């Protein structure tokens, strides 16, 4: 893409918010039609196709920087894919048409469709690797938690900042064997540990809505691209996050290098992963703590979408109703 034009805050609001919401809504509806069918791949394909079709209508030049893997791995929404009408403003897109495919296939809570749009160069081009993460919601002193501290120390520091005992802190952790030590240390410190089976992005986003989710901190290792998507929400809604890339072998390091210079020792903060103005849309596929899932009625279907915008720090909840087809 040539002749890049900076994306100003007014334009991203006017041109992208509703269009991006339509894209996540369509992906969520397509995936929801396959809820509980036990076929993760079919649900994911349906969501990808639906989101791709809607994003192709964007009145901007869009480029996928976080998406469905590399070009050789996906025919739609792969990293580097250019999408939109190829005119006007340039934007970067980070998408997860179906975050929590297993949750959708099992009709379990928490599956979402999510997409973020930002000005060119604003999003960290994270490789397909793991990332160690820690996140807390808004309202705490800077540096209240740190990725390099022991989990128990982070629990105690957050409890002090929150003004409660450690039993008043809830930590969300992805339920994986690799997190056994983290889980044990948080529990020994007195914290409640909320285990989630899937949904790495949503797990981090929980901390921005503590009143609804009951989650104070997210901790653990998950996908690096998912870390950028989650950071985009924190950029809008507030909160703190640190992430460090985990490059375990030469293949991963080589793959990461394609995205530009990477430093596996660096702790990436929210503003390292997302700079400038960004809009994020999250639509529910199945019911969850963040948003309701798609409701299929006899004559209409309903969706619920959260729309985040960093320039104003606003979070809008959009309920949409359309004729059933």
Protein backbone atom coordinates (compact mmCIF):
# COMPACT_ATOMS: atom_id res chain seq x y z
CA UNK A 1 0.00 0.00 0.00
CA UNK A 2 1.42 3.36 -0.99
CA UNK A 3 0.83 6.98 -0.07
CA UNK A 4 -0.25 6.22 3.48
CA UNK A 5 -2.44 8.85 5.05
CA UNK A 6 -2.55 9.13 8.85
CA UNK A 7 -5.77 8.02 10.45
CA UNK A 8 -7.20 10.75 12.66
CA UNK A 9 -9.50 10.12 15.60
CA UNK A 10 -12.61 11.58 13.98
CA UNK A 11 -12.20 9.43 10.89
CA UNK A 12 -11.71 6.18 12.76
CA UNK A 13 -14.88 6.90 14.71
CA UNK A 14 -16.95 7.85 11.69
CA UNK A 15 -15.71 5.30 9.17
CA UNK A 16 -14.87 2.23 11.18
CA UNK A 17 -16.93 1.85 14.32
CA UNK A 18 -20.21 0.66 12.81
CA UNK A 19 -18.52 -1.18 9.94
CA UNK A 20 -16.26 -3.06 12.35
CA UNK A 21 -19.22 -3.92 14.56
CA UNK A 22 -21.02 -5.34 11.54
CA UNK A 23 -18.01 -7.54 10.83
CA UNK A 24 -17.90 -9.03 14.33
CA UNK A 25 -21.69 -9.40 14.36
CA UNK A 26 -21.68 -11.35 11.11
CA UNK A 27 -18.84 -13.57 12.29
CA UNK A 28 -20.63 -14.23 15.58
CA UNK A 29 -23.89 -15.12 13.85
CA UNK A 30 -22.16 -17.48 11.44
CA UNK A 31 -20.34 -19.25 14.26
CA UNK A 32 -23.41 -19.34 16.50
CA UNK A 33 -25.33 -21.32 13.88
CA UNK A 34 -22.87 -24.14 14.67
CA UNK A 35 -22.96 -23.88 18.46
CA UNK A 36 -22.90 -27.22 20.20
CA UNK A 37 -22.26 -29.21 17.01
CA UNK A 38 -18.84 -30.39 18.17
CA UNK A 39 -17.05 -29.13 15.05
CA UNK A 40 -14.56 -26.40 15.96
CA UNK A 41 -13.10 -26.14 12.46
CA UNK A 42 -16.49 -25.72 10.79
CA UNK A 43 -17.51 -22.99 13.23
CA UNK A 44 -14.18 -21.21 12.76
CA UNK A 45 -14.41 -21.42 8.95
CA UNK A 46 -17.92 -20.00 9.00
CA UNK A 47 -16.84 -17.09 11.19
CA UNK A 48 -13.78 -16.36 9.04
CA UNK A 49 -15.78 -16.36 5.80
CA UNK A 50 -18.45 -14.09 7.24
CA UNK A 51 -15.98 -11.59 8.71
CA UNK A 52 -13.90 -11.55 5.52
CA UNK A 53 -16.96 -10.75 3.44
CA UNK A 54 -17.95 -7.86 5.69
CA UNK A 55 -14.43 -6.43 6.06
CA UNK A 56 -14.12 -6.38 2.27
CA UNK A 57 -16.73 -3.61 2.32
CA UNK A 58 -14.68 -1.34 4.61
CA UNK A 59 -14.27 2.15 3.08
CA UNK A 60 -10.53 2.04 3.79
CA UNK A 61 -7.37 0.23 2.77
CA UNK A 62 -6.99 -2.42 5.41
CA UNK A 63 -4.12 -4.80 6.11
CA UNK A 64 -4.34 -7.76 8.46
CA UNK A 65 -1.46 -7.78 10.97
CA UNK A 66 -3.05 -10.18 13.48
CA UNK A 67 -5.20 -12.82 11.88
CA UNK A 68 -5.62 -16.43 10.84
CA UNK A 69 -1.95 -17.34 10.67
CA UNK A 70 0.38 -16.96 7.71
CA UNK A 71 -0.69 -16.89 4.05
CA UNK A 72 0.25 -20.55 3.58
CA UNK A 73 -2.05 -21.50 6.46
CA UNK A 74 -5.23 -19.64 5.55
CA UNK A 75 -6.97 -18.44 2.43
CA UNK A 76 -8.86 -15.76 4.35
CA UNK A 77 -7.75 -13.09 6.81
CA UNK A 78 -4.15 -14.29 6.94
CA UNK A 79 -1.38 -11.98 8.13
CA UNK A 80 -0.49 -9.60 5.31
CA UNK A 81 -3.89 -9.93 3.62
CA UNK A 82 -5.10 -6.62 2.20
CA UNK A 83 -8.81 -6.04 2.51
CA UNK A 84 -11.32 -3.25 2.04
CA UNK A 85 -12.02 -1.03 -0.93
CA UNK A 86 -8.36 -0.10 -1.51
CA UNK A 87 -9.13 3.62 -1.35
CA UNK A 88 -8.90 6.32 1.27
CA UNK A 89 -7.31 5.85 4.68
CA UNK A 90 -4.86 3.10 5.60
CA UNK A 91 -5.60 0.96 8.65
CA UNK A 92 -4.17 -2.08 10.36
CA UNK A 93 -6.54 -4.80 11.44
CA UNK A 94 -6.26 -7.41 14.16
CA UNK A 95 -8.97 -10.05 14.04
CA UNK A 96 -10.13 -13.22 15.75
CA UNK A 97 -13.35 -14.18 13.96
CA UNK A 98 -13.98 -16.89 16.56
CA UNK A 99 -12.10 -16.59 19.84
CA UNK A 100 -12.92 -19.76 21.75
CA UNK A 101 -13.79 -22.22 18.97
CA UNK A 102 -13.90 -25.07 21.48
CA UNK A 103 -16.36 -23.11 23.62
CA UNK A 104 -18.58 -22.59 20.59
CA UNK A 105 -18.38 -26.24 19.54
CA UNK A 106 -19.41 -27.30 23.06
CA UNK A 107 -21.92 -24.44 23.46
CA UNK A 108 -20.08 -23.25 26.55
CA UNK A 109 -19.90 -19.64 27.82
CA UNK A 110 -17.40 -17.08 26.58
CA UNK A 111 -16.95 -17.52 22.82
CA UNK A 112 -16.62 -14.16 21.06
CA UNK A 113 -15.80 -12.55 17.72
CA UNK A 114 -13.34 -9.66 18.00
CA UNK A 115 -11.70 -7.17 15.65
CA UNK A 116 -9.55 -4.09 16.14
CA UNK A 117 -8.67 -1.30 13.71
CA UNK A 118 -5.86 1.20 14.17
CA UNK A 119 -3.75 3.58 12.15
CA UNK A 120 -0.91 2.15 10.10
CA UNK A 121 2.02 1.07 12.30
CA UNK A 122 0.01 1.24 15.52
CA UNK A 123 -0.22 -2.50 16.27
CA UNK A 124 2.62 -4.78 17.33
CA UNK A 125 3.05 -7.40 14.62
CA UNK A 126 3.25 -10.28 17.06
CA UNK A 127 4.40 -13.65 15.72
CA UNK A 128 2.50 -16.91 16.10
CA UNK A 129 4.15 -17.80 19.38
CA UNK A 130 3.41 -17.78 23.07
CA UNK A 131 3.47 -14.72 25.28
CA UNK A 132 3.71 -14.55 29.07
CA UNK A 133 1.10 -12.06 30.29
CA UNK A 134 -0.10 -10.23 33.34
CA UNK A 135 -2.95 -7.71 33.37
CA UNK A 136 -5.02 -5.71 35.84
CA UNK A 137 -7.89 -3.30 35.33
CA UNK A 138 -8.02 0.50 35.58
CA UNK A 139 -7.68 2.51 38.76
CA UNK A 140 -4.44 1.09 40.18
CA UNK A 141 -1.04 2.78 40.57
CA UNK A 142 1.34 2.23 37.70
CA UNK A 143 3.48 -0.86 38.25
CA UNK A 144 1.20 -2.34 40.90
CA UNK A 145 1.97 -5.77 39.38
CA UNK A 146 4.94 -6.94 37.37
CA UNK A 147 5.56 -9.93 35.13
CA UNK A 148 8.91 -10.59 36.83
CA UNK A 149 7.48 -10.83 40.33
CA UNK A 150 6.39 -14.03 42.01
CA UNK A 151 2.63 -14.61 41.52
CA UNK A 152 2.08 -14.49 45.29
CA UNK A 153 3.79 -11.09 45.49
CA UNK A 154 1.55 -9.77 42.73
CA UNK A 155 -1.53 -11.04 44.58
CA UNK A 156 -0.44 -9.32 47.77
CA UNK A 157 0.42 -6.05 45.99
CA UNK A 158 -2.91 -5.97 44.17
CA UNK A 159 -4.81 -6.75 47.37
CA UNK A 160 -3.09 -3.83 49.12
CA UNK A 161 -3.87 -1.48 46.22
CA UNK A 162 -7.48 -2.67 46.17
CA UNK A 163 -7.79 -2.27 49.92
CA UNK A 164 -8.80 -5.88 50.61
CA UNK A 165 -7.23 -9.03 51.98
CA UNK A 166 -5.73 -11.45 49.48
CA UNK A 167 -8.95 -13.49 49.67
CA UNK A 168 -10.63 -10.53 47.97
CA UNK A 169 -8.50 -10.91 44.83
CA UNK A 170 -9.59 -13.11 41.92
CA UNK A 171 -6.98 -14.21 39.37
CA UNK A 172 -8.02 -15.56 35.98
CA UNK A 173 -5.74 -18.30 34.60
CA UNK A 174 -6.00 -20.47 31.51
CA UNK A 175 -6.46 -24.05 32.70
CA UNK A 176 -3.33 -25.67 31.34
CA UNK A 177 -0.69 -27.98 32.92
CA UNK A 178 1.96 -25.30 32.30
CA UNK A 179 0.18 -23.06 34.80
CA UNK A 180 0.20 -25.48 37.73
CA UNK A 181 2.81 -23.49 39.65
CA UNK A 182 1.08 -20.15 39.05
CA UNK A 183 -2.24 -21.59 40.22
CA UNK A 184 -0.67 -23.11 43.32
CA UNK A 185 1.16 -19.92 44.31
CA UNK A 186 -1.91 -17.71 43.83
CA UNK A 187 -4.03 -20.03 45.94
CA UNK A 188 -1.42 -20.29 48.67
CA UNK A 189 -1.33 -16.49 48.79
CA UNK A 190 -5.06 -16.60 49.51
CA UNK A 191 -6.44 -15.55 46.11
CA UNK A 192 -9.41 -17.06 44.34
CA UNK A 193 -8.32 -18.59 41.01
CA UNK A 194 -10.82 -18.46 38.15
CA UNK A 195 -9.84 -21.18 35.67
CA UNK A 196 -10.96 -20.84 32.07
CA UNK A 197 -10.71 -23.65 29.53
CA UNK A 198 -10.31 -21.38 26.48
CA UNK A 199 -10.59 -17.74 25.48
CA UNK A 200 -7.21 -16.12 26.08
CA UNK A 201 -8.33 -12.69 24.82
CA UNK A 202 -11.51 -12.63 26.88
CA UNK A 203 -9.55 -13.73 29.95
CA UNK A 204 -7.43 -10.57 29.82
CA UNK A 205 -10.40 -8.36 28.93
CA UNK A 206 -12.21 -9.60 32.05
CA UNK A 207 -10.01 -7.33 34.17
CA UNK A 208 -11.47 -4.22 32.49
CA UNK A 209 -14.98 -5.16 33.65
CA UNK A 210 -14.43 -6.34 37.25
CA UNK A 211 -17.96 -5.47 38.37
CA UNK A 212 -19.42 -7.84 35.75
CA UNK A 213 -16.74 -10.54 35.68
CA UNK A 214 -15.37 -10.50 39.22
CA UNK A 215 -11.81 -10.81 37.83
CA UNK A 216 -9.03 -8.57 39.19
CA UNK A 217 -5.94 -9.97 37.48
CA UNK A 218 -5.03 -12.19 34.53
CA UNK A 219 -1.86 -14.23 34.66
CA UNK A 220 -0.25 -16.87 32.48
CA UNK A 221 1.04 -17.90 29.08
CA UNK A 222 -1.10 -17.66 25.96
CA UNK A 223 -0.93 -16.64 22.32
CA UNK A 224 1.11 -13.56 21.39
CA UNK A 225 -1.35 -12.35 18.71
CA UNK A 226 -4.15 -12.71 21.25
CA UNK A 227 -2.07 -10.59 23.60
CA UNK A 228 -2.10 -7.72 21.12
CA UNK A 229 -5.87 -7.95 20.68
CA UNK A 230 -6.35 -7.87 24.44
CA UNK A 231 -3.95 -4.94 24.76
CA UNK A 232 -6.07 -3.03 22.24
CA UNK A 233 -9.04 -3.30 24.60
CA UNK A 234 -6.95 -2.18 27.59
CA UNK A 235 -5.70 0.75 25.51
CA UNK A 236 -9.34 1.85 25.28
CA UNK A 237 -10.82 0.80 28.62
CA UNK A 238 -7.80 1.39 30.85
CA UNK A 239 -5.73 -0.99 32.88
CA UNK A 240 -2.19 -2.31 32.83
CA UNK A 241 -0.68 -5.23 30.96
CA UNK A 242 2.78 -6.65 30.40
CA UNK A 243 3.68 -9.32 27.88
CA UNK A 244 6.91 -11.07 26.96
CA UNK A 245 7.35 -13.15 23.81
CA UNK A 246 8.26 -16.80 24.33
CA UNK A 247 10.38 -18.04 21.42
CA UNK A 248 11.23 -21.64 22.22
CA UNK A 249 13.19 -22.74 19.16
CA UNK A 250 14.97 -21.56 16.02
CA UNK A 251 11.86 -21.94 13.87
CA UNK A 252 9.85 -19.65 16.13
CA UNK A 253 12.66 -17.11 16.26
CA UNK A 254 12.93 -17.12 12.47
CA UNK A 255 9.20 -16.75 12.11
CA UNK A 256 9.17 -13.88 14.58
CA UNK A 257 11.98 -12.12 12.69
CA UNK A 258 9.74 -11.86 9.61
CA UNK A 259 7.61 -9.38 11.55
CA UNK A 260 10.60 -7.17 12.33
CA UNK A 261 13.18 -7.00 15.13
CA UNK A 262 11.99 -8.78 18.27
CA UNK A 263 13.50 -8.91 21.71
CA UNK A 264 12.37 -11.94 23.74
CA UNK A 265 13.68 -10.23 26.88
CA UNK A 266 11.49 -7.15 26.50
CA UNK A 267 8.39 -6.61 28.58
CA UNK A 268 5.81 -5.10 26.25
CA UNK A 269 3.33 -2.76 27.89
CA UNK A 270 -0.04 -1.74 26.51
CA UNK A 271 1.41 1.28 24.71
CA UNK A 272 4.19 -0.87 23.24
CA UNK A 273 1.64 -3.20 21.69
CA UNK A 274 -0.90 -0.57 20.65
CA UNK A 275 -0.10 3.06 19.84
CA UNK A 276 -2.36 5.82 18.59
CA UNK A 277 -6.12 5.62 18.25
CA UNK A 278 -7.78 2.22 18.06
CA UNK A 279 -11.32 0.89 17.87
CA UNK A 280 -12.18 -2.62 19.08
CA UNK A 281 -15.47 -4.50 18.64
CA UNK A 282 -16.41 -7.64 20.59
CA UNK A 283 -19.58 -9.58 19.77
CA UNK A 284 -20.82 -12.53 21.80
CA UNK A 285 -21.18 -15.93 20.17
CA UNK A 286 -22.19 -17.79 23.32
CA UNK A 287 -23.36 -16.14 26.55
CA UNK A 288 -20.51 -14.97 28.76
CA UNK A 289 -19.50 -12.46 31.42
CA UNK A 290 -18.70 -9.80 28.82
CA UNK A 291 -21.52 -10.05 26.31
CA UNK A 292 -24.60 -12.12 25.58
CA UNK A 293 -24.44 -14.69 22.83
CA UNK A 294 -26.44 -14.62 19.61
CA UNK A 295 -30.16 -15.20 20.19
CA UNK A 296 -32.07 -16.91 17.39
CA UNK A 297 -35.75 -16.03 17.57
CA UNK A 298 -38.61 -17.23 15.41
CA UNK A 299 -38.69 -14.04 13.36
CA UNK A 300 -35.52 -12.20 14.36
CA UNK A 301 -32.05 -12.72 15.75
CA UNK A 302 -30.25 -10.55 18.27
CA UNK A 303 -26.58 -9.76 18.93
CA UNK A 304 -24.74 -7.84 21.61
CA UNK A 305 -21.50 -5.99 20.89
CA UNK A 306 -19.07 -4.00 23.00
CA UNK A 307 -17.38 -1.16 21.11
CA UNK A 308 -14.23 0.32 22.64
CA UNK A 309 -12.51 3.51 21.50
CA UNK A 310 -9.16 4.69 22.84
CA UNK A 311 -9.40 8.37 21.88
CA UNK A 312 -12.32 8.97 24.24
CA UNK A 313 -12.01 5.99 26.57
CA UNK A 314 -15.61 5.10 25.80
CA UNK A 315 -17.21 1.67 25.94
CA UNK A 316 -20.53 1.31 24.13
CA UNK A 317 -22.85 -1.67 24.36
CA UNK A 318 -24.78 -2.16 21.13
CA UNK A 319 -27.77 -4.44 20.91
CA UNK A 320 -28.80 -5.27 17.35
CA UNK A 321 -31.93 -6.99 16.13
CA UNK A 322 -32.41 -8.15 12.55
CA UNK A 323 -34.84 -10.27 10.63
CA UNK A 324 -34.08 -13.99 10.78
CA UNK A 325 -32.99 -15.52 7.49
